Amino acid sequence: MTTALKALGELQERYARCAVELPSPPAPEALWVGVLLEIAGVRLLVAVTDLEAIIETPVTTRVPGTRPWVLGIAAHQGGLLPVFCGDGLFEQRLQGGGCESTAW
């Protein structure tokens, strides 16, 4: 048994002396991924890393005393989300009602 282990050790040493080091792999190319969305006619390019989720417009509950562009709050995954009117945030008026922008 000792001779077999000794032979394996010698074989390992011999191959280690003949071994060529592998080249380093090239550094991975940094990619930026974004989502193009439009709010009130304004196109926005947002990094995917800045988004947690994209959801359908939820049912909202108005909050008394807030600005007209604050549509309310909505329940989402056990928490509350503020919901804003994009037109009001970008200081535009909606045709036919809806939120109206006022000076902040």
PDB file of N, CA and C in Angstrom:
ATOM      1  N   MET A   1       0.820  -1.190   0.000  1.00  0.00           N
ATOM      2  CA  MET A   1       0.000   0.000   0.000  1.00  0.00           C
ATOM      3  C   MET A   1       0.865   1.256   0.000  1.00  0.00           C
ATOM      4  N   THR A   2       1.962   1.220   0.755  1.00  0.00           N
ATOM      5  CA  THR A   2       2.855   2.365   0.821  1.00  0.00           C
ATOM      6  C   THR A   2       3.473   2.645  -0.539  1.00  0.00           C
ATOM      7  N   THR A   3       3.825   1.628  -1.254  1.00  0.00           N
ATOM      8  CA  THR A   3       4.435   1.844  -2.568  1.00  0.00           C
ATOM      9  C   THR A   3       3.437   2.443  -3.548  1.00  0.00           C
ATOM     10  N   ALA A   4       2.182   2.071  -3.432  1.00  0.00           N
ATOM     11  CA  ALA A   4       1.167   2.646  -4.323  1.00  0.00           C
ATOM     12  C   ALA A   4       0.987   4.133  -4.028  1.00  0.00           C
ATOM     13  N   LEU A   5       0.945   4.504  -2.745  1.00  0.00           N
ATOM     14  CA  LEU A   5       0.816   5.916  -2.377  1.00  0.00           C
ATOM     15  C   LEU A   5       2.051   6.699  -2.793  1.00  0.00           C
ATOM     16  N   LYS A   6       3.219   6.077  -2.649  1.00  0.00           N
ATOM     17  CA  LYS A   6       4.466   6.732  -3.046  1.00  0.00           C
ATOM     18  C   LYS A   6       4.480   6.950  -4.554  1.00  0.00           C
ATOM     19  N   ALA A   7       4.028   5.958  -5.311  1.00  0.00           N
ATOM     20  CA  ALA A   7       3.987   6.079  -6.770  1.00  0.00           C
ATOM     21  C   ALA A   7       3.013   7.179  -7.192  1.00  0.00           C
ATOM     22  N   LEU A   8       1.883   7.256  -6.524  1.00  0.00           N
ATOM     23  CA  LEU A   8       0.915   8.321  -6.839  1.00  0.00           C
ATOM     24  C   LEU A   8       1.484   9.698  -6.507  1.00  0.00           C
ATOM     25  N   GLY A   9       2.207   9.803  -5.398  1.00  0.00           N
ATOM     26  CA  GLY A   9       2.832  11.071  -5.022  1.00  0.00           C
ATOM     27  C   GLY A   9       3.870  11.503  -6.046  1.00  0.00           C
ATOM     28  N   GLU A  10       4.702  10.553  -6.507  1.00  0.00           N
ATOM     29  CA  GLU A  10       5.715  10.870  -7.525  1.00  0.00           C
ATOM     30  C   GLU A  10       5.054  11.284  -8.833  1.00  0.00           C
ATOM     31  N   LEU A  11       3.984  10.596  -9.194  1.00  0.00           N
ATOM     32  CA  LEU A  11       3.254  10.933 -10.421  1.00  0.00           C
ATOM     33  C   LEU A  11       2.674  12.346 -10.322  1.00  0.00           C
ATOM     34  N   GLN A  12       2.152  12.682  -9.170  1.00  0.00           N
ATOM     35  CA  GLN A  12       1.594  14.020  -8.964  1.00  0.00           C
ATOM     36  C   GLN A  12       2.681  15.081  -9.084  1.00  0.00           C
ATOM     37  N   GLU A  13       3.833  14.840  -8.485  1.00  0.00           N
ATOM     38  CA  GLU A  13       4.947  15.789  -8.564  1.00  0.00           C
ATOM     39  C   GLU A  13       5.416  15.963  -9.996  1.00  0.00           C
ATOM     40  N   ARG A  14       5.521  14.860 -10.746  1.00  0.00           N
ATOM     41  CA  ARG A  14       5.979  14.919 -12.135  1.00  0.00           C
ATOM     42  C   ARG A  14       5.015  15.750 -12.983  1.00  0.00           C
ATOM     43  N   TYR A  15       3.722  15.509 -12.834  1.00  0.00           N
ATOM     44  CA  TYR A  15       2.752  16.284 -13.610  1.00  0.00           C
ATOM     45  C   TYR A  15       2.708  17.746 -13.163  1.00  0.00           C
ATOM     46  N   ALA A  16       2.949  18.007 -11.881  1.00  0.00           N
ATOM     47  CA  ALA A  16       2.966  19.382 -11.386  1.00  0.00           C
ATOM     48  C   ALA A  16       4.120  20.163 -12.006  1.00  0.00           C
ATOM     49  N   ARG A  17       5.284  19.508 -12.206  1.00  0.00           N
ATOM     50  CA  ARG A  17       6.433  20.180 -12.831  1.00  0.00           C
ATOM     51  C   ARG A  17       6.164  20.497 -14.295  1.00  0.00           C
ATOM     52  N   CYS A  18       5.403  19.650 -14.971  1.00  0.00           N
ATOM     53  CA  CYS A  18       5.124  19.837 -16.401  1.00  0.00           C
ATOM     54  C   CYS A  18       3.892  20.709 -16.659  1.00  0.00           C
ATOM     55  N   ALA A  19       3.164  21.007 -15.619  1.00  0.00           N
ATOM     56  CA  ALA A  19       1.892  21.714 -15.796  1.00  0.00           C
ATOM     57  C   ALA A  19       2.115  23.139 -16.288  1.00  0.00           C
ATOM     58  N   VAL A  20       1.211  23.586 -17.112  1.00  0.00           N
ATOM     59  CA  VAL A  20       1.213  24.961 -17.609  1.00  0.00           C
ATOM     60  C   VAL A  20       0.051  25.681 -16.937  1.00  0.00           C
ATOM     61  N   GLU A  21       0.313  26.881 -16.466  1.00  0.00           N
ATOM     62  CA  GLU A  21      -0.736  27.636 -15.787  1.00  0.00           C
ATOM     63  C   GLU A  21      -1.787  28.083 -16.799  1.00  0.00           C
ATOM     64  N   LEU A  22      -3.034  27.951 -16.421  1.00  0.00           N
ATOM     65  CA  LEU A  22      -4.127  28.367 -17.296  1.00  0.00           C
ATOM     66  C   LEU A  22      -4.169  29.885 -17.387  1.00  0.00           C
ATOM     67  N   PRO A  23      -4.527  30.404 -18.553  1.00  0.00           N
ATOM     68  CA  PRO A  23      -4.648  31.861 -18.670  1.00  0.00           C
ATOM     69  C   PRO A  23      -5.834  32.357 -17.844  1.00  0.00           C
ATOM     70  N   SER A  24      -5.722  33.584 -17.376  1.00  0.00           N
ATOM     71  CA  SER A  24      -6.821  34.180 -16.607  1.00  0.00           C
ATOM     72  C   SER A  24      -7.997  34.437 -17.535  1.00  0.00           C
ATOM     73  N   PRO A  25      -9.192  34.144 -17.090  1.00  0.00           N
ATOM     74  CA  PRO A  25     -10.351  34.420 -17.942  1.00  0.00           C
ATOM     75  C   PRO A  25     -10.541  35.929 -18.079  1.00  0.00           C
ATOM     76  N   PRO A  26     -11.060  36.371 -19.207  1.00  0.00           N
ATOM     77  CA  PRO A  26     -11.272  37.812 -19.369  1.00  0.00           C
ATOM     78  C   PRO A  26     -12.315  38.311 -18.366  1.00  0.00           C
ATOM     79  N   ALA A  27     -12.159  39.555 -17.965  1.00  0.00           N
ATOM     80  CA  ALA A  27     -13.117  40.143 -17.023  1.00  0.00           C
ATOM     81  C   ALA A  27     -14.487  40.220 -17.696  1.00  0.00           C
ATOM     82  N   PRO A  28     -15.532  39.898 -16.971  1.00  0.00           N
ATOM     83  CA  PRO A  28     -16.862  39.962 -17.581  1.00  0.00           C
ATOM     84  C   PRO A  28     -17.210  41.392 -17.963  1.00  0.00           C
ATOM     85  N   GLU A  29     -17.867  41.533 -19.092  1.00  0.00           N
ATOM     86  CA  GLU A  29     -18.245  42.852 -19.586  1.00  0.00           C
ATOM     87  C   GLU A  29     -19.411  43.372 -18.755  1.00  0.00           C
ATOM     88  N   ALA A  30     -19.265  44.584 -18.258  1.00  0.00           N
ATOM     89  CA  ALA A  30     -20.332  45.179 -17.453  1.00  0.00           C
ATOM     90  C   ALA A  30     -21.478  45.591 -18.373  1.00  0.00           C
ATOM     91  N   LEU A  31     -22.656  45.089 -18.077  1.00  0.00           N
ATOM     92  CA  LEU A  31     -23.837  45.427 -18.862  1.00  0.00           C
ATOM     93  C   LEU A  31     -24.779  46.279 -18.024  1.00  0.00           C
ATOM     94  N   TRP A  32     -25.390  47.260 -18.663  1.00  0.00           N
ATOM     95  CA  TRP A  32     -26.401  48.076 -18.009  1.00  0.00           C
ATOM     96  C   TRP A  32     -27.727  47.715 -18.639  1.00  0.00           C
ATOM     97  N   VAL A  33     -28.709  47.407 -17.820  1.00  0.00           N
ATOM     98  CA  VAL A  33     -30.026  47.035 -18.321  1.00  0.00           C
ATOM     99  C   VAL A  33     -31.027  48.036 -17.771  1.00  0.00           C
ATOM    100  N   GLY A  34     -31.861  48.554 -18.653  1.00  0.00           N
ATOM    101  CA  GLY A  34     -32.845  49.538 -18.231  1.00  0.00           C
ATOM    102  C   GLY A  34     -34.224  49.238 -18.764  1.00  0.00           C
ATOM    103  N   VAL A  35     -35.187  49.968 -18.241  1.00  0.00           N
ATOM    104  CA  VAL A  35     -36.580  49.869 -18.667  1.00  0.00           C
ATOM    105  C   VAL A  35     -37.002  51.253 -19.136  1.00  0.00           C
ATOM    106  N   LEU A  36     -37.556  51.315 -20.343  1.00  0.00           N
ATOM    107  CA  LEU A  36     -38.055  52.576 -20.877  1.00  0.00           C
ATOM    108  C   LEU A  36     -39.538  52.656 -20.567  1.00  0.00           C
ATOM    109  N   LEU A  37     -39.930  53.719 -19.859  1.00  0.00           N
ATOM    110  CA  LEU A  37     -41.339  53.903 -19.558  1.00  0.00           C
ATOM    111  C   LEU A  37     -41.732  55.339 -19.844  1.00  0.00           C
ATOM    112  N   GLU A  38     -43.018  55.568 -19.906  1.00  0.00           N
ATOM    113  CA  GLU A  38     -43.516  56.898 -20.236  1.00  0.00           C
ATOM    114  C   GLU A  38     -44.529  57.319 -19.185  1.00  0.00           C
ATOM    115  N   ILE A  39     -44.313  58.502 -18.625  1.00  0.00           N
ATOM    116  CA  ILE A  39     -45.234  59.078 -17.653  1.00  0.00           C
ATOM    117  C   ILE A  39     -45.609  60.460 -18.152  1.00  0.00           C
ATOM    118  N   ALA A  40     -46.885  60.672 -18.375  1.00  0.00           N
ATOM    119  CA  ALA A  40     -47.400  61.970 -18.824  1.00  0.00           C
ATOM    120  C   ALA A  40     -46.698  62.441 -20.088  1.00  0.00           C
ATOM    121  N   GLY A  41     -46.409  61.519 -20.986  1.00  0.00           N
ATOM    122  CA  GLY A  41     -45.772  61.873 -22.247  1.00  0.00           C
ATOM    123  C   GLY A  41     -44.273  62.092 -22.145  1.00  0.00           C
ATOM    124  N   VAL A  42     -43.703  61.894 -20.972  1.00  0.00           N
ATOM    125  CA  VAL A  42     -42.264  62.063 -20.766  1.00  0.00           C
ATOM    126  C   VAL A  42     -41.634  60.674 -20.700  1.00  0.00           C
ATOM    127  N   ARG A  43     -40.694  60.407 -21.599  1.00  0.00           N
ATOM    128  CA  ARG A  43     -40.012  59.114 -21.600  1.00  0.00           C
ATOM    129  C   ARG A  43     -38.899  59.112 -20.566  1.00  0.00           C
ATOM    130  N   LEU A  44     -38.856  58.036 -19.806  1.00  0.00           N
ATOM    131  CA  LEU A  44     -37.846  57.878 -18.767  1.00  0.00           C
ATOM    132  C   LEU A  44     -37.152  56.541 -18.949  1.00  0.00           C
ATOM    133  N   LEU A  45     -35.842  56.542 -18.838  1.00  0.00           N
ATOM    134  CA  LEU A  45     -35.060  55.311 -18.891  1.00  0.00           C
ATOM    135  C   LEU A  45     -34.553  55.051 -17.477  1.00  0.00           C
ATOM    136  N   VAL A  46     -35.006  53.950 -16.895  1.00  0.00           N
ATOM    137  CA  VAL A  46     -34.720  53.643 -15.497  1.00  0.00           C
ATOM    138  C   VAL A  46     -33.906  52.356 -15.427  1.00  0.00           C
ATOM    139  N   ALA A  47     -32.864  52.364 -14.624  1.00  0.00           N
ATOM    140  CA  ALA A  47     -32.047  51.157 -14.440  1.00  0.00           C
ATOM    141  C   ALA A  47     -32.880  50.077 -13.762  1.00  0.00           C
ATOM    142  N   VAL A  48     -32.742  48.854 -14.224  1.00  0.00           N
ATOM    143  CA  VAL A  48     -33.475  47.734 -13.637  1.00  0.00           C
ATOM    144  C   VAL A  48     -33.130  47.590 -12.156  1.00  0.00           C
ATOM    145  N   THR A  49     -31.916  47.925 -11.794  1.00  0.00           N
ATOM    146  CA  THR A  49     -31.510  47.814 -10.389  1.00  0.00           C
ATOM    147  C   THR A  49     -32.239  48.821  -9.501  1.00  0.00           C
ATOM    148  N   ASP A  50     -32.810  49.874 -10.098  1.00  0.00           N
ATOM    149  CA  ASP A  50     -33.568  50.864  -9.333  1.00  0.00           C
ATOM    150  C   ASP A  50     -35.032  50.477  -9.172  1.00  0.00           C
ATOM    151  N   LEU A  51     -35.466  49.432  -9.844  1.00  0.00           N
ATOM    152  CA  LEU A  51     -36.858  48.993  -9.770  1.00  0.00           C
ATOM    153  C   LEU A  51     -36.978  47.775  -8.868  1.00  0.00           C
ATOM    154  N   GLU A  52     -37.992  47.777  -8.056  1.00  0.00           N
ATOM    155  CA  GLU A  52     -38.261  46.588  -7.246  1.00  0.00           C
ATOM    156  C   GLU A  52     -39.316  45.731  -7.920  1.00  0.00           C
ATOM    157  N   ALA A  53     -40.324  46.386  -8.517  1.00  0.00           N
ATOM    158  CA  ALA A  53     -41.392  45.653  -9.189  1.00  0.00           C
ATOM    159  C   ALA A  53     -42.144  46.602 -10.104  1.00  0.00           C
ATOM    160  N   ILE A  54     -42.777  46.044 -11.100  1.00  0.00           N
ATOM    161  CA  ILE A  54     -43.695  46.787 -11.957  1.00  0.00           C
ATOM    162  C   ILE A  54     -45.049  46.126 -11.767  1.00  0.00           C
ATOM    163  N   ILE A  55     -46.002  46.910 -11.293  1.00  0.00           N
ATOM    164  CA  ILE A  55     -47.316  46.348 -10.989  1.00  0.00           C
ATOM    165  C   ILE A  55     -48.398  47.113 -11.737  1.00  0.00           C
ATOM    166  N   GLU A  56     -49.564  46.500 -11.853  1.00  0.00           N
ATOM    167  CA  GLU A  56     -50.710  47.189 -12.440  1.00  0.00           C
ATOM    168  C   GLU A  56     -51.154  48.282 -11.476  1.00  0.00           C
ATOM    169  N   THR A  57     -51.866  49.277 -12.010  1.00  0.00           N
ATOM    170  CA  THR A  57     -52.349  50.355 -11.161  1.00  0.00           C
ATOM    171  C   THR A  57     -53.289  49.777 -10.110  1.00  0.00           C
ATOM    172  N   PRO A  58     -52.948  49.946  -8.837  1.00  0.00           N
ATOM    173  CA  PRO A  58     -53.770  49.351  -7.780  1.00  0.00           C
ATOM    174  C   PRO A  58     -54.969  50.231  -7.423  1.00  0.00           C
ATOM    175  N   VAL A  59     -55.890  49.664  -6.670  1.00  0.00           N
ATOM    176  CA  VAL A  59     -56.999  50.432  -6.110  1.00  0.00           C
ATOM    177  C   VAL A  59     -56.407  51.336  -5.037  1.00  0.00           C
ATOM    178  N   THR A  60     -56.746  52.618  -5.098  1.00  0.00           N
ATOM    179  CA  THR A  60     -56.151  53.572  -4.164  1.00  0.00           C
ATOM    180  C   THR A  60     -57.187  54.116  -3.193  1.00  0.00           C
ATOM    181  N   THR A  61     -56.700  54.574  -2.059  1.00  0.00           N
ATOM    182  CA  THR A  61     -57.518  55.247  -1.059  1.00  0.00           C
ATOM    183  C   THR A  61     -56.986  56.661  -0.923  1.00  0.00           C
ATOM    184  N   ARG A  62     -57.865  57.647  -1.129  1.00  0.00           N
ATOM    185  CA  ARG A  62     -57.447  59.049  -1.035  1.00  0.00           C
ATOM    186  C   ARG A  62     -56.981  59.371   0.378  1.00  0.00           C
ATOM    187  N   VAL A  63     -56.039  60.298   0.452  1.00  0.00           N
ATOM    188  CA  VAL A  63     -55.539  60.768   1.738  1.00  0.00           C
ATOM    189  C   VAL A  63     -55.922  62.241   1.850  1.00  0.00           C
ATOM    190  N   PRO A  64     -56.795  62.588   2.788  1.00  0.00           N
ATOM    191  CA  PRO A  64     -57.242  63.980   2.911  1.00  0.00           C
ATOM    192  C   PRO A  64     -56.073  64.927   3.185  1.00  0.00           C
ATOM    193  N   GLY A  65     -56.150  66.116   2.601  1.00  0.00           N
ATOM    194  CA  GLY A  65     -55.151  67.147   2.846  1.00  0.00           C
ATOM    195  C   GLY A  65     -53.898  67.042   1.999  1.00  0.00           C
ATOM    196  N   THR A  66     -53.869  66.126   1.037  1.00  0.00           N
ATOM    197  CA  THR A  66     -52.680  65.986   0.188  1.00  0.00           C
ATOM    198  C   THR A  66     -52.850  66.805  -1.084  1.00  0.00           C
ATOM    199  N   ARG A  67     -51.767  66.993  -1.789  1.00  0.00           N
ATOM    200  CA  ARG A  67     -51.784  67.718  -3.060  1.00  0.00           C
ATOM    201  C   ARG A  67     -52.637  66.971  -4.083  1.00  0.00           C
ATOM    202  N   PRO A  68     -53.120  67.685  -5.099  1.00  0.00           N
ATOM    203  CA  PRO A  68     -53.964  67.030  -6.107  1.00  0.00           C
ATOM    204  C   PRO A  68     -53.256  65.911  -6.863  1.00  0.00           C
ATOM    205  N   TRP A  69     -51.933  65.978  -6.993  1.00  0.00           N
ATOM    206  CA  TRP A  69     -51.217  64.948  -7.733  1.00  0.00           C
ATOM    207  C   TRP A  69     -50.960  63.692  -6.911  1.00  0.00           C
ATOM    208  N   VAL A  70     -51.324  63.721  -5.620  1.00  0.00           N
ATOM    209  CA  VAL A  70     -51.248  62.513  -4.795  1.00  0.00           C
ATOM    210  C   VAL A  70     -52.587  61.800  -4.938  1.00  0.00           C
ATOM    211  N   LEU A  71     -52.587  60.687  -5.636  1.00  0.00           N
ATOM    212  CA  LEU A  71     -53.829  59.954  -5.857  1.00  0.00           C
ATOM    213  C   LEU A  71     -54.253  59.181  -4.620  1.00  0.00           C
ATOM    214  N   GLY A  72     -53.323  58.853  -3.755  1.00  0.00           N
ATOM    215  CA  GLY A  72     -53.658  58.148  -2.525  1.00  0.00           C
ATOM    216  C   GLY A  72     -52.615  57.119  -2.176  1.00  0.00           C
ATOM    217  N   ILE A  73     -53.051  56.143  -1.392  1.00  0.00           N
ATOM    218  CA  ILE A  73     -52.179  55.038  -1.014  1.00  0.00           C
ATOM    219  C   ILE A  73     -52.835  53.735  -1.442  1.00  0.00           C
ATOM    220  N   ALA A  74     -52.011  52.722  -1.633  1.00  0.00           N
ATOM    221  CA  ALA A  74     -52.507  51.411  -2.054  1.00  0.00           C
ATOM    222  C   ALA A  74     -51.788  50.335  -1.260  1.00  0.00           C
ATOM    223  N   ALA A  75     -52.507  49.270  -0.975  1.00  0.00           N
ATOM    224  CA  ALA A  75     -51.904  48.124  -0.298  1.00  0.00           C
ATOM    225  C   ALA A  75     -51.209  47.256  -1.335  1.00  0.00           C
ATOM    226  N   HIS A  76     -49.972  46.859  -1.021  1.00  0.00           N
ATOM    227  CA  HIS A  76     -49.224  45.987  -1.928  1.00  0.00           C
ATOM    228  C   HIS A  76     -48.287  45.120  -1.109  1.00  0.00           C
ATOM    229  N   GLN A  77     -48.458  43.822  -1.197  1.00  0.00           N
ATOM    230  CA  GLN A  77     -47.610  42.829  -0.526  1.00  0.00           C
ATOM    231  C   GLN A  77     -47.413  43.140   0.957  1.00  0.00           C
ATOM    232  N   GLY A  78     -48.496  43.480   1.621  1.00  0.00           N
ATOM    233  CA  GLY A  78     -48.446  43.711   3.058  1.00  0.00           C
ATOM    234  C   GLY A  78     -47.955  45.081   3.474  1.00  0.00           C
ATOM    235  N   GLY A  79     -47.703  45.964   2.524  1.00  0.00           N
ATOM    236  CA  GLY A  79     -47.251  47.314   2.846  1.00  0.00           C
ATOM    237  C   GLY A  79     -48.112  48.344   2.141  1.00  0.00           C
ATOM    238  N   LEU A  80     -47.807  49.608   2.358  1.00  0.00           N
ATOM    239  CA  LEU A  80     -48.531  50.690   1.705  1.00  0.00           C
ATOM    240  C   LEU A  80     -47.621  51.399   0.715  1.00  0.00           C
ATOM    241  N   LEU A  81     -48.167  51.683  -0.457  1.00  0.00           N
ATOM    242  CA  LEU A  81     -47.434  52.412  -1.492  1.00  0.00           C
ATOM    243  C   LEU A  81     -48.103  53.753  -1.728  1.00  0.00           C
ATOM    244  N   PRO A  82     -47.330  54.830  -1.838  1.00  0.00           N
ATOM    245  CA  PRO A  82     -47.936  56.084  -2.277  1.00  0.00           C
ATOM    246  C   PRO A  82     -48.170  56.005  -3.786  1.00  0.00           C
ATOM    247  N   VAL A  83     -49.288  56.550  -4.244  1.00  0.00           N
ATOM    248  CA  VAL A  83     -49.604  56.542  -5.674  1.00  0.00           C
ATOM    249  C   VAL A  83     -49.742  57.992  -6.115  1.00  0.00           C
ATOM    250  N   PHE A  84     -48.940  58.365  -7.120  1.00  0.00           N
ATOM    251  CA  PHE A  84     -48.922  59.736  -7.612  1.00  0.00           C
ATOM    252  C   PHE A  84     -49.450  59.802  -9.031  1.00  0.00           C
ATOM    253  N   CYS A  85     -49.986  60.958  -9.397  1.00  0.00           N
ATOM    254  CA  CYS A  85     -50.416  61.205 -10.770  1.00  0.00           C
ATOM    255  C   CYS A  85     -49.200  61.726 -11.534  1.00  0.00           C
ATOM    256  N   GLY A  86     -48.771  61.003 -12.552  1.00  0.00           N
ATOM    257  CA  GLY A  86     -47.595  61.405 -13.320  1.00  0.00           C
ATOM    258  C   GLY A  86     -47.747  62.764 -13.967  1.00  0.00           C
ATOM    259  N   ASP A  87     -48.954  63.078 -14.451  1.00  0.00           N
ATOM    260  CA  ASP A  87     -49.176  64.381 -15.071  1.00  0.00           C
ATOM    261  C   ASP A  87     -48.969  65.505 -14.065  1.00  0.00           C
ATOM    262  N   GLY A  88     -49.448  65.313 -12.866  1.00  0.00           N
ATOM    263  CA  GLY A  88     -49.273  66.329 -11.838  1.00  0.00           C
ATOM    264  C   GLY A  88     -47.824  66.477 -11.432  1.00  0.00           C
ATOM    265  N   LEU A  89     -47.110  65.373 -11.351  1.00  0.00           N
ATOM    266  CA  LEU A  89     -45.696  65.439 -10.990  1.00  0.00           C
ATOM    267  C   LEU A  89     -44.885  66.171 -12.046  1.00  0.00           C
ATOM    268  N   PHE A  90     -45.286  66.037 -13.307  1.00  0.00           N
ATOM    269  CA  PHE A  90     -44.567  66.708 -14.387  1.00  0.00           C
ATOM    270  C   PHE A  90     -45.217  68.037 -14.758  1.00  0.00           C
ATOM    271  N   GLU A  91     -46.031  68.563 -13.848  1.00  0.00           N
ATOM    272  CA  GLU A  91     -46.667  69.874 -13.987  1.00  0.00           C
ATOM    273  C   GLU A  91     -47.424  70.033 -15.289  1.00  0.00           C
ATOM    274  N   GLN A  92     -48.232  69.038 -15.608  1.00  0.00           N
ATOM    275  CA  GLN A  92     -49.107  69.111 -16.770  1.00  0.00           C
ATOM    276  C   GLN A  92     -50.519  68.877 -16.280  1.00  0.00           C
ATOM    277  N   ARG A  93     -51.480  69.337 -17.052  1.00  0.00           N
ATOM    278  CA  ARG A  93     -52.878  69.130 -16.686  1.00  0.00           C
ATOM    279  C   ARG A  93     -53.449  68.003 -17.517  1.00  0.00           C
ATOM    280  N   LEU A  94     -54.227  67.173 -16.875  1.00  0.00           N
ATOM    281  CA  LEU A  94     -54.929  66.120 -17.600  1.00  0.00           C
ATOM    282  C   LEU A  94     -56.136  66.714 -18.305  1.00  0.00           C
ATOM    283  N   GLN A  95     -56.407  66.221 -19.490  1.00  0.00           N
ATOM    284  CA  GLN A  95     -57.603  66.629 -20.209  1.00  0.00           C
ATOM    285  C   GLN A  95     -58.803  65.944 -19.568  1.00  0.00           C
ATOM    286  N   GLY A  96     -59.861  66.697 -19.342  1.00  0.00           N
ATOM    287  CA  GLY A  96     -61.093  66.094 -18.849  1.00  0.00           C
ATOM    288  C   GLY A  96     -61.047  65.677 -17.395  1.00  0.00           C
ATOM    289  N   GLY A  97     -60.361  66.406 -16.566  1.00  0.00           N
ATOM    290  CA  GLY A  97     -60.378  66.096 -15.135  1.00  0.00           C
ATOM    291  C   GLY A  97     -59.127  65.389 -14.693  1.00  0.00           C
ATOM    292  N   GLY A  98     -59.242  64.699 -13.609  1.00  0.00           N
ATOM    293  CA  GLY A  98     -58.076  64.026 -13.051  1.00  0.00           C
ATOM    294  C   GLY A  98     -57.277  64.998 -12.215  1.00  0.00           C
ATOM    295  N   CYS A  99     -56.055  64.693 -11.980  1.00  0.00           N
ATOM    296  CA  CYS A  99     -55.249  65.570 -11.135  1.00  0.00           C
ATOM    297  C   CYS A  99     -54.844  66.813 -11.908  1.00  0.00           C
ATOM    298  N   GLU A 100     -54.695  67.889 -11.191  1.00  0.00           N
ATOM    299  CA  GLU A 100     -54.213  69.129 -11.792  1.00  0.00           C
ATOM    300  C   GLU A 100     -52.973  69.543 -11.029  1.00  0.00           C
ATOM    301  N   SER A 101     -52.004  70.030 -11.776  1.00  0.00           N
ATOM    302  CA  SER A 101     -50.765  70.384 -11.100  1.00  0.00           C
ATOM    303  C   SER A 101     -50.919  71.730 -10.416  1.00  0.00           C
ATOM    304  N   THR A 102     -50.296  71.860  -9.294  1.00  0.00           N
ATOM    305  CA  THR A 102     -50.226  73.131  -8.591  1.00  0.00           C
ATOM    306  C   THR A 102     -48.771  73.323  -8.200  1.00  0.00           C
ATOM    307  N   ALA A 103     -48.433  74.517  -7.827  1.00  0.00           N
ATOM    308  CA  ALA A 103     -47.045  74.761  -7.418  1.00  0.00           C
ATOM    309  C   ALA A 103     -46.748  73.942  -6.171  1.00  0.00           C
ATOM    310  N   TRP A 104     -45.610  73.367  -6.107  1.00  0.00           N
ATOM    311  CA  TRP A 104     -45.228  72.539  -4.963  1.00  0.00           C
ATOM    312  C   TRP A 104     -44.905  73.475  -3.850  1.00  0.00           C
TER     313      TRP A 104
END
